Amino acid sequence: MPSTVDFFKELPQFVVKAGSILSNIYGVDWENKLEVLGLQVIYFATLTARVDSIKVKLIEKLEQPVAGFRVARFLRLHTKYTS
């Protein structure tokens, strides 16, 4: 069974092989493209987390009673019967 030590011993050889293959597919600047892609993934994950946080806060606000009924319930019923 391969160990972690074996993995790190083989890693440089893998990088050389994978690097040449990726260069053939994506061009010589594949490392920069990969880095940009990674940054985009981090940005969109952060953005999604912020949007989800805002949704939760909005739902909490809508669930608070206003003039004796819940706004969120009204909106759900309104959407249900007007669609």
PDB file of N, CA and C in Angstrom:
ATOM      1  N   MET A   1       0.850  -1.180   0.000  1.00  0.00           N
ATOM      2  CA  MET A   1       0.000   0.000   0.000  1.00  0.00           C
ATOM      3  C   MET A   1       0.896   1.243   0.000  1.00  0.00           C
ATOM      4  N   PRO A   2       0.656   2.166  -0.937  1.00  0.00           N
ATOM      5  CA  PRO A   2       1.479   3.384  -0.996  1.00  0.00           C
ATOM      6  C   PRO A   2       1.256   4.257   0.245  1.00  0.00           C
ATOM      7  N   SER A   3       2.300   4.892   0.672  1.00  0.00           N
ATOM      8  CA  SER A   3       2.214   5.762   1.842  1.00  0.00           C
ATOM      9  C   SER A   3       2.311   7.221   1.416  1.00  0.00           C
ATOM     10  N   THR A   4       2.130   8.090   2.359  1.00  0.00           N
ATOM     11  CA  THR A   4       2.248   9.522   2.110  1.00  0.00           C
ATOM     12  C   THR A   4       3.660   9.881   1.684  1.00  0.00           C
ATOM     13  N   VAL A   5       4.634   9.219   2.271  1.00  0.00           N
ATOM     14  CA  VAL A   5       6.039   9.461   1.920  1.00  0.00           C
ATOM     15  C   VAL A   5       6.267   9.112   0.450  1.00  0.00           C
ATOM     16  N   ASP A   6       5.727   7.971   0.019  1.00  0.00           N
ATOM     17  CA  ASP A   6       5.853   7.569  -1.382  1.00  0.00           C
ATOM     18  C   ASP A   6       5.204   8.598  -2.312  1.00  0.00           C
ATOM     19  N   PHE A   7       4.061   9.105  -1.895  1.00  0.00           N
ATOM     20  CA  PHE A   7       3.367  10.111  -2.693  1.00  0.00           C
ATOM     21  C   PHE A   7       4.264  11.324  -2.924  1.00  0.00           C
ATOM     22  N   PHE A   8       4.860  11.835  -1.859  1.00  0.00           N
ATOM     23  CA  PHE A   8       5.702  13.021  -1.988  1.00  0.00           C
ATOM     24  C   PHE A   8       7.010  12.732  -2.729  1.00  0.00           C
ATOM     25  N   LYS A   9       7.479  11.495  -2.680  1.00  0.00           N
ATOM     26  CA  LYS A   9       8.665  11.128  -3.463  1.00  0.00           C
ATOM     27  C   LYS A   9       8.353  11.174  -4.959  1.00  0.00           C
ATOM     28  N   GLU A  10       7.157  10.745  -5.329  1.00  0.00           N
ATOM     29  CA  GLU A  10       6.760  10.669  -6.735  1.00  0.00           C
ATOM     30  C   GLU A  10       6.200  11.988  -7.272  1.00  0.00           C
ATOM     31  N   LEU A  11       5.883  12.911  -6.406  1.00  0.00           N
ATOM     32  CA  LEU A  11       5.243  14.161  -6.818  1.00  0.00           C
ATOM     33  C   LEU A  11       6.037  14.956  -7.855  1.00  0.00           C
ATOM     34  N   PRO A  12       7.346  15.155  -7.704  1.00  0.00           N
ATOM     35  CA  PRO A  12       8.080  15.918  -8.723  1.00  0.00           C
ATOM     36  C   PRO A  12       7.983  15.295 -10.117  1.00  0.00           C
ATOM     37  N   GLN A  13       8.050  13.967 -10.179  1.00  0.00           N
ATOM     38  CA  GLN A  13       7.946  13.283 -11.456  1.00  0.00           C
ATOM     39  C   GLN A  13       6.552  13.481 -12.063  1.00  0.00           C
ATOM     40  N   PHE A  14       5.531  13.423 -11.212  1.00  0.00           N
ATOM     41  CA  PHE A  14       4.159  13.652 -11.676  1.00  0.00           C
ATOM     42  C   PHE A  14       3.997  15.060 -12.223  1.00  0.00           C
ATOM     43  N   VAL A  15       4.537  16.046 -11.514  1.00  0.00           N
ATOM     44  CA  VAL A  15       4.425  17.446 -11.932  1.00  0.00           C
ATOM     45  C   VAL A  15       5.064  17.653 -13.303  1.00  0.00           C
ATOM     46  N   VAL A  16       6.213  17.027 -13.529  1.00  0.00           N
ATOM     47  CA  VAL A  16       6.890  17.150 -14.826  1.00  0.00           C
ATOM     48  C   VAL A  16       6.002  16.572 -15.932  1.00  0.00           C
ATOM     49  N   LYS A  17       5.466  15.385 -15.710  1.00  0.00           N
ATOM     50  CA  LYS A  17       4.609  14.746 -16.716  1.00  0.00           C
ATOM     51  C   LYS A  17       3.319  15.534 -16.915  1.00  0.00           C
ATOM     52  N   ALA A  18       2.662  15.879 -15.826  1.00  0.00           N
ATOM     53  CA  ALA A  18       1.399  16.614 -15.925  1.00  0.00           C
ATOM     54  C   ALA A  18       1.629  17.993 -16.528  1.00  0.00           C
ATOM     55  N   GLY A  19       2.742  18.624 -16.179  1.00  0.00           N
ATOM     56  CA  GLY A  19       3.042  19.959 -16.709  1.00  0.00           C
ATOM     57  C   GLY A  19       3.158  19.960 -18.219  1.00  0.00           C
ATOM     58  N   SER A  20       3.822  18.963 -18.765  1.00  0.00           N
ATOM     59  CA  SER A  20       3.961  18.915 -20.224  1.00  0.00           C
ATOM     60  C   SER A  20       2.622  18.634 -20.896  1.00  0.00           C
ATOM     61  N   ILE A  21       1.821  17.784 -20.297  1.00  0.00           N
ATOM     62  CA  ILE A  21       0.498  17.494 -20.856  1.00  0.00           C
ATOM     63  C   ILE A  21      -0.383  18.737 -20.796  1.00  0.00           C
ATOM     64  N   LEU A  22      -0.391  19.413 -19.652  1.00  0.00           N
ATOM     65  CA  LEU A  22      -1.207  20.630 -19.509  1.00  0.00           C
ATOM     66  C   LEU A  22      -0.717  21.741 -20.427  1.00  0.00           C
ATOM     67  N   SER A  23       0.577  21.827 -20.650  1.00  0.00           N
ATOM     68  CA  SER A  23       1.111  22.830 -21.582  1.00  0.00           C
ATOM     69  C   SER A  23       0.627  22.559 -23.002  1.00  0.00           C
ATOM     70  N   ASN A  24       0.583  21.295 -23.387  1.00  0.00           N
ATOM     71  CA  ASN A  24       0.086  20.944 -24.721  1.00  0.00           C
ATOM     72  C   ASN A  24      -1.389  21.283 -24.880  1.00  0.00           C
ATOM     73  N   ILE A  25      -2.155  21.108 -23.822  1.00  0.00           N
ATOM     74  CA  ILE A  25      -3.605  21.357 -23.898  1.00  0.00           C
ATOM     75  C   ILE A  25      -3.930  22.838 -23.744  1.00  0.00           C
ATOM     76  N   TYR A  26      -3.382  23.480 -22.697  1.00  0.00           N
ATOM     77  CA  TYR A  26      -3.786  24.838 -22.334  1.00  0.00           C
ATOM     78  C   TYR A  26      -2.760  25.916 -22.671  1.00  0.00           C
ATOM     79  N   GLY A  27      -1.619  25.543 -23.184  1.00  0.00           N
ATOM     80  CA  GLY A  27      -0.585  26.526 -23.492  1.00  0.00           C
ATOM     81  C   GLY A  27       0.437  26.611 -22.385  1.00  0.00           C
ATOM     82  N   VAL A  28       1.517  27.359 -22.664  1.00  0.00           N
ATOM     83  CA  VAL A  28       2.629  27.414 -21.718  1.00  0.00           C
ATOM     84  C   VAL A  28       2.282  28.161 -20.431  1.00  0.00           C
ATOM     85  N   ASP A  29       1.266  29.005 -20.465  1.00  0.00           N
ATOM     86  CA  ASP A  29       0.897  29.753 -19.255  1.00  0.00           C
ATOM     87  C   ASP A  29      -0.234  29.066 -18.479  1.00  0.00           C
ATOM     88  N   TRP A  30      -0.291  27.738 -18.534  1.00  0.00           N
ATOM     89  CA  TRP A  30      -1.350  26.998 -17.866  1.00  0.00           C
ATOM     90  C   TRP A  30      -1.346  27.214 -16.360  1.00  0.00           C
ATOM     91  N   GLU A  31      -0.181  27.448 -15.779  1.00  0.00           N
ATOM     92  CA  GLU A  31      -0.111  27.671 -14.330  1.00  0.00           C
ATOM     93  C   GLU A  31      -0.824  28.969 -13.949  1.00  0.00           C
ATOM     94  N   ASN A  32      -0.620  30.020 -14.745  1.00  0.00           N
ATOM     95  CA  ASN A  32      -1.300  31.293 -14.474  1.00  0.00           C
ATOM     96  C   ASN A  32      -2.807  31.153 -14.644  1.00  0.00           C
ATOM     97  N   LYS A  33      -3.214  30.432 -15.685  1.00  0.00           N
ATOM     98  CA  LYS A  33      -4.648  30.216 -15.908  1.00  0.00           C
ATOM     99  C   LYS A  33      -5.267  29.444 -14.750  1.00  0.00           C
ATOM    100  N   LEU A  34      -4.538  28.444 -14.260  1.00  0.00           N
ATOM    101  CA  LEU A  34      -5.022  27.658 -13.133  1.00  0.00           C
ATOM    102  C   LEU A  34      -5.129  28.510 -11.870  1.00  0.00           C
ATOM    103  N   GLU A  35      -4.164  29.381 -11.666  1.00  0.00           N
ATOM    104  CA  GLU A  35      -4.197  30.264 -10.499  1.00  0.00           C
ATOM    105  C   GLU A  35      -5.380  31.221 -10.578  1.00  0.00           C
ATOM    106  N   VAL A  36      -5.624  31.783 -11.756  1.00  0.00           N
ATOM    107  CA  VAL A  36      -6.762  32.690 -11.941  1.00  0.00           C
ATOM    108  C   VAL A  36      -8.065  31.942 -11.701  1.00  0.00           C
ATOM    109  N   LEU A  37      -8.163  30.736 -12.218  1.00  0.00           N
ATOM    110  CA  LEU A  37      -9.363  29.929 -12.011  1.00  0.00           C
ATOM    111  C   LEU A  37      -9.586  29.671 -10.524  1.00  0.00           C
ATOM    112  N   GLY A  38      -8.517  29.360  -9.802  1.00  0.00           N
ATOM    113  CA  GLY A  38      -8.625  29.147  -8.358  1.00  0.00           C
ATOM    114  C   GLY A  38      -9.114  30.385  -7.633  1.00  0.00           C
ATOM    115  N   LEU A  39      -8.606  31.543  -8.034  1.00  0.00           N
ATOM    116  CA  LEU A  39      -9.051  32.801  -7.418  1.00  0.00           C
ATOM    117  C   LEU A  39     -10.519  33.074  -7.734  1.00  0.00           C
ATOM    118  N   GLN A  40     -10.949  32.737  -8.949  1.00  0.00           N
ATOM    119  CA  GLN A  40     -12.355  32.926  -9.314  1.00  0.00           C
ATOM    120  C   GLN A  40     -13.256  32.024  -8.472  1.00  0.00           C
ATOM    121  N   VAL A  41     -12.823  30.799  -8.254  1.00  0.00           N
ATOM    122  CA  VAL A  41     -13.605  29.865  -7.440  1.00  0.00           C
ATOM    123  C   VAL A  41     -13.741  30.392  -6.015  1.00  0.00           C
ATOM    124  N   ILE A  42     -12.652  30.892  -5.455  1.00  0.00           N
ATOM    125  CA  ILE A  42     -12.691  31.453  -4.098  1.00  0.00           C
ATOM    126  C   ILE A  42     -13.621  32.661  -4.053  1.00  0.00           C
ATOM    127  N   TYR A  43     -13.537  33.530  -5.059  1.00  0.00           N
ATOM    128  CA  TYR A  43     -14.383  34.732  -5.105  1.00  0.00           C
ATOM    129  C   TYR A  43     -15.859  34.351  -5.160  1.00  0.00           C
ATOM    130  N   PHE A  44     -16.210  33.420  -6.060  1.00  0.00           N
ATOM    131  CA  PHE A  44     -17.619  33.058  -6.203  1.00  0.00           C
ATOM    132  C   PHE A  44     -18.135  32.291  -4.993  1.00  0.00           C
ATOM    133  N   ALA A  45     -17.286  31.506  -4.352  1.00  0.00           N
ATOM    134  CA  ALA A  45     -17.693  30.814  -3.131  1.00  0.00           C
ATOM    135  C   ALA A  45     -17.978  31.833  -2.022  1.00  0.00           C
ATOM    136  N   THR A  46     -17.130  32.850  -1.916  1.00  0.00           N
ATOM    137  CA  THR A  46     -17.337  33.907  -0.923  1.00  0.00           C
ATOM    138  C   THR A  46     -18.607  34.683  -1.230  1.00  0.00           C
ATOM    139  N   LEU A  47     -18.809  34.996  -2.495  1.00  0.00           N
ATOM    140  CA  LEU A  47     -20.005  35.727  -2.911  1.00  0.00           C
ATOM    141  C   LEU A  47     -21.262  34.925  -2.607  1.00  0.00           C
ATOM    142  N   THR A  48     -21.233  33.631  -2.896  1.00  0.00           N
ATOM    143  CA  THR A  48     -22.379  32.768  -2.626  1.00  0.00           C
ATOM    144  C   THR A  48     -22.675  32.714  -1.135  1.00  0.00           C
ATOM    145  N   ALA A  49     -21.639  32.629  -0.323  1.00  0.00           N
ATOM    146  CA  ALA A  49     -21.826  32.597   1.131  1.00  0.00           C
ATOM    147  C   ALA A  49     -22.460  33.896   1.618  1.00  0.00           C
ATOM    148  N   ARG A  50     -22.042  35.013   1.039  1.00  0.00           N
ATOM    149  CA  ARG A  50     -22.626  36.302   1.434  1.00  0.00           C
ATOM    150  C   ARG A  50     -24.086  36.392   1.028  1.00  0.00           C
ATOM    151  N   VAL A  51     -24.404  35.935  -0.175  1.00  0.00           N
ATOM    152  CA  VAL A  51     -25.794  35.959  -0.647  1.00  0.00           C
ATOM    153  C   VAL A  51     -26.653  35.076   0.245  1.00  0.00           C
ATOM    154  N   ASP A  52     -26.151  33.884   0.590  1.00  0.00           N
ATOM    155  CA  ASP A  52     -26.893  32.989   1.479  1.00  0.00           C
ATOM    156  C   ASP A  52     -27.131  33.641   2.835  1.00  0.00           C
ATOM    157  N   SER A  53     -26.124  34.344   3.338  1.00  0.00           N
ATOM    158  CA  SER A  53     -26.261  35.036   4.624  1.00  0.00           C
ATOM    159  C   SER A  53     -27.338  36.116   4.543  1.00  0.00           C
ATOM    160  N   ILE A  54     -27.357  36.838   3.448  1.00  0.00           N
ATOM    161  CA  ILE A  54     -28.358  37.894   3.252  1.00  0.00           C
ATOM    162  C   ILE A  54     -29.749  37.276   3.150  1.00  0.00           C
ATOM    163  N   LYS A  55     -29.878  36.134   2.453  1.00  0.00           N
ATOM    164  CA  LYS A  55     -31.169  35.451   2.340  1.00  0.00           C
ATOM    165  C   LYS A  55     -31.700  35.067   3.714  1.00  0.00           C
ATOM    166  N   VAL A  56     -30.823  34.506   4.546  1.00  0.00           N
ATOM    167  CA  VAL A  56     -31.234  34.085   5.883  1.00  0.00           C
ATOM    168  C   VAL A  56     -31.726  35.282   6.682  1.00  0.00           C
ATOM    169  N   LYS A  57     -30.982  36.387   6.623  1.00  0.00           N
ATOM    170  CA  LYS A  57     -31.386  37.583   7.361  1.00  0.00           C
ATOM    171  C   LYS A  57     -32.718  38.125   6.842  1.00  0.00           C
ATOM    172  N   LEU A  58     -32.914  38.096   5.536  1.00  0.00           N
ATOM    173  CA  LEU A  58     -34.162  38.578   4.947  1.00  0.00           C
ATOM    174  C   LEU A  58     -35.335  37.704   5.372  1.00  0.00           C
ATOM    175  N   ILE A  59     -35.144  36.397   5.344  1.00  0.00           N
ATOM    176  CA  ILE A  59     -36.216  35.485   5.757  1.00  0.00           C
ATOM    177  C   ILE A  59     -36.552  35.696   7.227  1.00  0.00           C
ATOM    178  N   GLU A  60     -35.516  35.895   8.062  1.00  0.00           N
ATOM    179  CA  GLU A  60     -35.765  36.161   9.481  1.00  0.00           C
ATOM    180  C   GLU A  60     -36.601  37.424   9.650  1.00  0.00           C
ATOM    181  N   LYS A  61     -36.283  38.457   8.873  1.00  0.00           N
ATOM    182  CA  LYS A  61     -37.054  39.706   8.955  1.00  0.00           C
ATOM    183  C   LYS A  61     -38.482  39.486   8.495  1.00  0.00           C
ATOM    184  N   LEU A  62     -38.657  38.722   7.411  1.00  0.00           N
ATOM    185  CA  LEU A  62     -39.997  38.502   6.873  1.00  0.00           C
ATOM    186  C   LEU A  62     -40.847  37.622   7.777  1.00  0.00           C
ATOM    187  N   GLU A  63     -40.215  36.795   8.593  1.00  0.00           N
ATOM    188  CA  GLU A  63     -40.951  35.916   9.493  1.00  0.00           C
ATOM    189  C   GLU A  63     -41.454  36.644  10.747  1.00  0.00           C
ATOM    190  N   GLN A  64     -40.969  37.857  10.978  1.00  0.00           N
ATOM    191  CA  GLN A  64     -41.428  38.601  12.145  1.00  0.00           C
ATOM    192  C   GLN A  64     -42.861  39.097  11.905  1.00  0.00           C
ATOM    193  N   PRO A  65     -43.710  39.015  12.925  1.00  0.00           N
ATOM    194  CA  PRO A  65     -45.101  39.462  12.749  1.00  0.00           C
ATOM    195  C   PRO A  65     -45.177  40.961  12.425  1.00  0.00           C
ATOM    196  N   VAL A  66     -46.012  41.289  11.467  1.00  0.00           N
ATOM    197  CA  VAL A  66     -46.260  42.685  11.105  1.00  0.00           C
ATOM    198  C   VAL A  66     -47.766  42.845  11.021  1.00  0.00           C
ATOM    199  N   ALA A  67     -48.323  43.722  11.827  1.00  0.00           N
ATOM    200  CA  ALA A  67     -49.760  43.993  11.849  1.00  0.00           C
ATOM    201  C   ALA A  67     -50.570  42.706  12.004  1.00  0.00           C
ATOM    202  N   GLY A  68     -50.091  41.770  12.837  1.00  0.00           N
ATOM    203  CA  GLY A  68     -50.855  40.577  13.160  1.00  0.00           C
ATOM    204  C   GLY A  68     -50.666  39.397  12.229  1.00  0.00           C
ATOM    205  N   PHE A  69     -49.904  39.510  11.173  1.00  0.00           N
ATOM    206  CA  PHE A  69     -49.643  38.335  10.328  1.00  0.00           C
ATOM    207  C   PHE A  69     -48.204  38.367   9.848  1.00  0.00           C
ATOM    208  N   ARG A  70     -47.756  37.279   9.354  1.00  0.00           N
ATOM    209  CA  ARG A  70     -46.376  37.179   8.906  1.00  0.00           C
ATOM    210  C   ARG A  70     -46.288  37.543   7.429  1.00  0.00           C
ATOM    211  N   VAL A  71     -45.366  38.434   7.131  1.00  0.00           N
ATOM    212  CA  VAL A  71     -45.186  38.907   5.758  1.00  0.00           C
ATOM    213  C   VAL A  71     -44.771  37.752   4.849  1.00  0.00           C
ATOM    214  N   ALA A  72     -43.876  36.893   5.326  1.00  0.00           N
ATOM    215  CA  ALA A  72     -43.406  35.780   4.500  1.00  0.00           C
ATOM    216  C   ALA A  72     -44.557  34.859   4.128  1.00  0.00           C
ATOM    217  N   ARG A  73     -45.461  34.589   5.075  1.00  0.00           N
ATOM    218  CA  ARG A  73     -46.631  33.743   4.788  1.00  0.00           C
ATOM    219  C   ARG A  73     -47.499  34.408   3.745  1.00  0.00           C
ATOM    220  N   PHE A  74     -47.718  35.693   3.868  1.00  0.00           N
ATOM    221  CA  PHE A  74     -48.505  36.425   2.876  1.00  0.00           C
ATOM    222  C   PHE A  74     -47.863  36.324   1.492  1.00  0.00           C
ATOM    223  N   LEU A  75     -46.549  36.511   1.437  1.00  0.00           N
ATOM    224  CA  LEU A  75     -45.864  36.449   0.150  1.00  0.00           C
ATOM    225  C   LEU A  75     -45.952  35.053  -0.463  1.00  0.00           C
ATOM    226  N   ARG A  76     -45.827  34.017   0.365  1.00  0.00           N
ATOM    227  CA  ARG A  76     -45.940  32.653  -0.157  1.00  0.00           C
ATOM    228  C   ARG A  76     -47.342  32.401  -0.690  1.00  0.00           C
ATOM    229  N   LEU A  77     -48.363  32.810   0.048  1.00  0.00           N
ATOM    230  CA  LEU A  77     -49.740  32.623  -0.399  1.00  0.00           C
ATOM    231  C   LEU A  77     -50.014  33.435  -1.647  1.00  0.00           C
ATOM    232  N   HIS A  78     -49.521  34.669  -1.670  1.00  0.00           N
ATOM    233  CA  HIS A  78     -49.716  35.540  -2.826  1.00  0.00           C
ATOM    234  C   HIS A  78     -49.074  34.923  -4.074  1.00  0.00           C
ATOM    235  N   THR A  79     -47.873  34.395  -3.920  1.00  0.00           N
ATOM    236  CA  THR A  79     -47.174  33.770  -5.052  1.00  0.00           C
ATOM    237  C   THR A  79     -47.913  32.509  -5.495  1.00  0.00           C
ATOM    238  N   LYS A  80     -48.404  31.754  -4.547  1.00  0.00           N
ATOM    239  CA  LYS A  80     -49.091  30.499  -4.855  1.00  0.00           C
ATOM    240  C   LYS A  80     -50.352  30.751  -5.693  1.00  0.00           C
ATOM    241  N   TYR A  81     -51.115  31.770  -5.334  1.00  0.00           N
ATOM    242  CA  TYR A  81     -52.398  31.998  -6.005  1.00  0.00           C
ATOM    243  C   TYR A  81     -52.285  32.904  -7.225  1.00  0.00           C
ATOM    244  N   THR A  82     -51.176  33.572  -7.409  1.00  0.00           N
ATOM    245  CA  THR A  82     -51.031  34.435  -8.580  1.00  0.00           C
ATOM    246  C   THR A  82     -50.184  33.803  -9.675  1.00  0.00           C
ATOM    247  N   SER A  83     -49.624  32.616  -9.404  1.00  0.00           N
ATOM    248  CA  SER A  83     -48.788  31.966 -10.438  1.00  0.00           C
ATOM    249  C   SER A  83     -49.643  31.137 -11.366  1.00  0.00           C
TER     250      SER A  83
END
